[in-house]
Protein backbone atom coordinates (compact mmCIF):
# COMPACT_ATOMS: atom_id res chain seq x y z
CA MET A 1 136.43 113.23 95.84
CA ARG A 2 135.21 116.47 94.40
CA LYS A 3 131.59 117.00 93.55
CA ARG A 4 130.57 117.72 90.02
CA SER A 5 127.37 119.46 89.21
CA SER A 6 125.07 118.27 86.52
CA LYS A 7 123.89 120.54 83.77
CA GLY A 8 120.28 121.64 83.70
CA GLY A 9 119.73 121.99 87.44
CA GLY A 10 119.50 118.25 88.16
CA ALA A 11 120.98 116.45 91.15
CA GLN A 12 124.71 116.76 91.63
CA ARG A 13 126.80 113.93 90.31
CA SER A 14 129.45 112.79 92.73
CA ILE A 15 129.94 109.12 91.85
CA GLN A 16 132.48 108.02 89.31
CA VAL A 17 131.97 104.93 87.20
CA HIS A 18 134.96 103.54 85.36
CA LEU A 19 134.30 101.98 82.01
CA MET A 20 136.85 99.97 80.07
CA VAL A 21 136.61 100.30 76.30
CA ASN A 22 138.93 99.75 73.38
CA GLU A 23 140.12 102.52 71.05
CA GLU A 24 137.36 101.94 68.51
CA GLU A 25 134.63 102.05 71.17
CA ALA A 26 136.15 105.17 72.76
CA ALA A 27 136.19 106.90 69.38
CA MET A 28 132.58 105.91 68.78
CA ILE A 29 131.49 107.30 72.17
CA ARG A 30 133.42 110.55 71.68
CA ALA A 31 131.95 110.98 68.18
CA ALA A 32 128.42 110.44 69.50
CA ALA A 33 128.99 112.99 72.27
CA LYS A 34 130.42 115.53 69.82
CA LYS A 35 127.54 115.00 67.39
CA ARG A 36 125.08 115.72 70.22
CA ASN A 37 127.19 118.56 71.63
CA GLN A 38 127.30 116.74 74.99
CA THR A 39 129.90 115.43 77.36
CA VAL A 40 130.86 111.77 77.09
CA SER A 41 129.28 111.17 80.51
CA LEU A 42 125.94 112.68 79.52
CA THR A 43 125.92 110.76 76.24
CA ILE A 44 126.47 107.47 78.06
CA ILE A 45 123.83 108.29 80.69
CA GLU A 46 121.27 109.13 78.01
CA ALA A 47 122.15 105.97 76.08
CA VAL A 48 121.52 103.87 79.19
CA LYS A 49 118.22 105.66 79.87
CA LEU A 50 117.18 105.03 76.28
CA LEU A 51 118.14 101.38 76.56
CA GLU A 52 116.21 101.01 79.82
CA GLY A 53 113.12 102.51 78.18
CA ARG A 54 113.34 100.04 75.32
CA LEU A 55 113.86 97.12 77.67
CA GLN A 56 110.79 98.12 79.65
CA VAL A 57 108.71 98.25 76.46
CA GLU A 58 110.02 94.81 75.47
CA GLU A 59 109.12 93.41 78.90
CA GLU A 60 105.62 94.91 78.67
CA GLU A 61 105.16 93.39 75.20
CA HIS A 62 106.55 90.07 76.45
CA ASP A 63 103.88 89.94 79.17
CA SER A 64 101.02 91.48 77.18
CA PRO A 65 97.65 89.71 76.97
CA THR A 66 98.13 89.29 73.22
CA VAL A 67 101.45 87.52 73.68
CA GLN A 68 99.97 85.33 76.42
CA ALA A 69 97.03 84.40 74.19
CA LEU A 70 99.42 83.50 71.38
CA ARG A 71 101.46 81.34 73.77
CA ASP A 72 98.30 79.52 74.85
CA ILE A 73 97.35 78.88 71.23
CA GLU A 74 100.84 77.65 70.44
CA TYR A 75 100.68 75.21 73.38
CA GLN A 76 97.29 73.90 72.28
CA LEU A 77 98.44 73.47 68.68
CA ARG A 78 101.47 71.50 69.85
CA ARG A 79 99.24 69.19 71.90
CA ILE A 80 96.93 68.66 68.95
CA GLY A 81 99.93 67.98 66.71
CA ARG A 82 101.20 65.30 69.08
CA ASN A 83 97.77 63.66 69.11
CA VAL A 84 97.56 63.66 65.32
CA ASN A 85 101.07 62.18 65.11
CA GLN A 86 100.05 59.37 67.46
CA ILE A 87 96.96 58.66 65.38
CA ALA A 88 99.02 58.59 62.17
CA HIS A 89 101.61 56.33 63.79
CA ASN A 90 98.92 53.90 64.93
CA ALA A 91 97.21 53.94 61.54
CA ASN A 92 100.49 53.31 59.70
CA ARG A 93 101.54 50.57 62.09
CA GLU A 94 98.28 48.65 61.89
CA MET A 95 97.49 49.81 58.34
CA ASN A 96 93.89 50.29 59.33
CA ALA A 97 92.42 53.16 61.30
CA THR A 98 89.49 52.58 63.59
CA ILE A 99 86.38 54.73 63.66
CA GLU A 100 87.69 56.18 66.94
CA ASP A 101 90.97 57.15 65.24
CA GLU A 102 89.10 58.88 62.43
CA ALA A 103 86.83 60.68 64.90
CA SER A 104 89.81 61.76 66.96
CA ALA A 105 91.63 63.08 63.88
CA SER A 106 88.50 64.91 62.73
CA TYR A 107 88.15 66.48 66.18
CA ALA A 108 91.80 67.55 66.15
CA VAL A 109 91.35 69.22 62.78
CA ARG A 110 88.28 71.09 64.07
CA GLN A 111 90.28 72.24 67.11
CA CYS A 112 93.04 73.50 64.82
CA ARG A 113 90.51 75.45 62.73
CA GLU A 114 89.04 77.03 65.87
CA LEU A 115 92.48 77.99 67.17
CA ILE A 116 93.46 79.48 63.82
CA ASP A 117 90.23 81.53 63.78
CA HIS A 118 91.00 82.72 67.32
CA LEU A 119 94.53 83.55 66.26
CA GLU A 120 93.24 85.65 63.35
CA VAL A 121 91.04 87.63 65.76
CA ILE A 122 93.99 88.30 68.07
CA ILE A 123 96.21 89.41 65.19
CA THR A 124 93.49 91.71 63.82
CA GLN A 125 93.03 93.30 67.25
CA ALA A 126 96.79 93.74 67.66
CA ASP A 127 97.04 95.41 64.23
CA ARG A 128 94.45 97.99 65.28
CA LYS A 129 96.55 99.10 68.27
C-alpha cells in the first residue's frame, strides 16, 4: 500500500475506504468536488466533518436545560390531563360531580396555568440566546 500525503501539511493519509455509490451519487460527489476545486476524497472528508459538527450541536440541544425543562413540563401536563379525564369520566358516569371532583378539577386548571406561565418564561429566555 503506498502512502498518500494530505494537502496542507496535515497527517499523511494511508488508509483507503471503499464507498459504493450509484451513478447519480457519483456524479453528485464529483460535481461537489469540482465546484469546491477539491479532490473527491477531501470533499467527502469535509462533508463528514460538517455532518459530525451538526450532529454534535443537535445532541447538545437535545440535552440542553431548556429542552429538559420542556420535557418536564410536558410530562406534568400529561399527568394533569389524565387526572382531568378521570374526573370528567366520573362526572359523566354518575351525572353529578362531587365537591372533591370540582376542587380537583380547579386545582388541575391552576397547575396548567402555572406550567404554561413557566413555559412562557423558558421560551422567552431561549429566544434571547
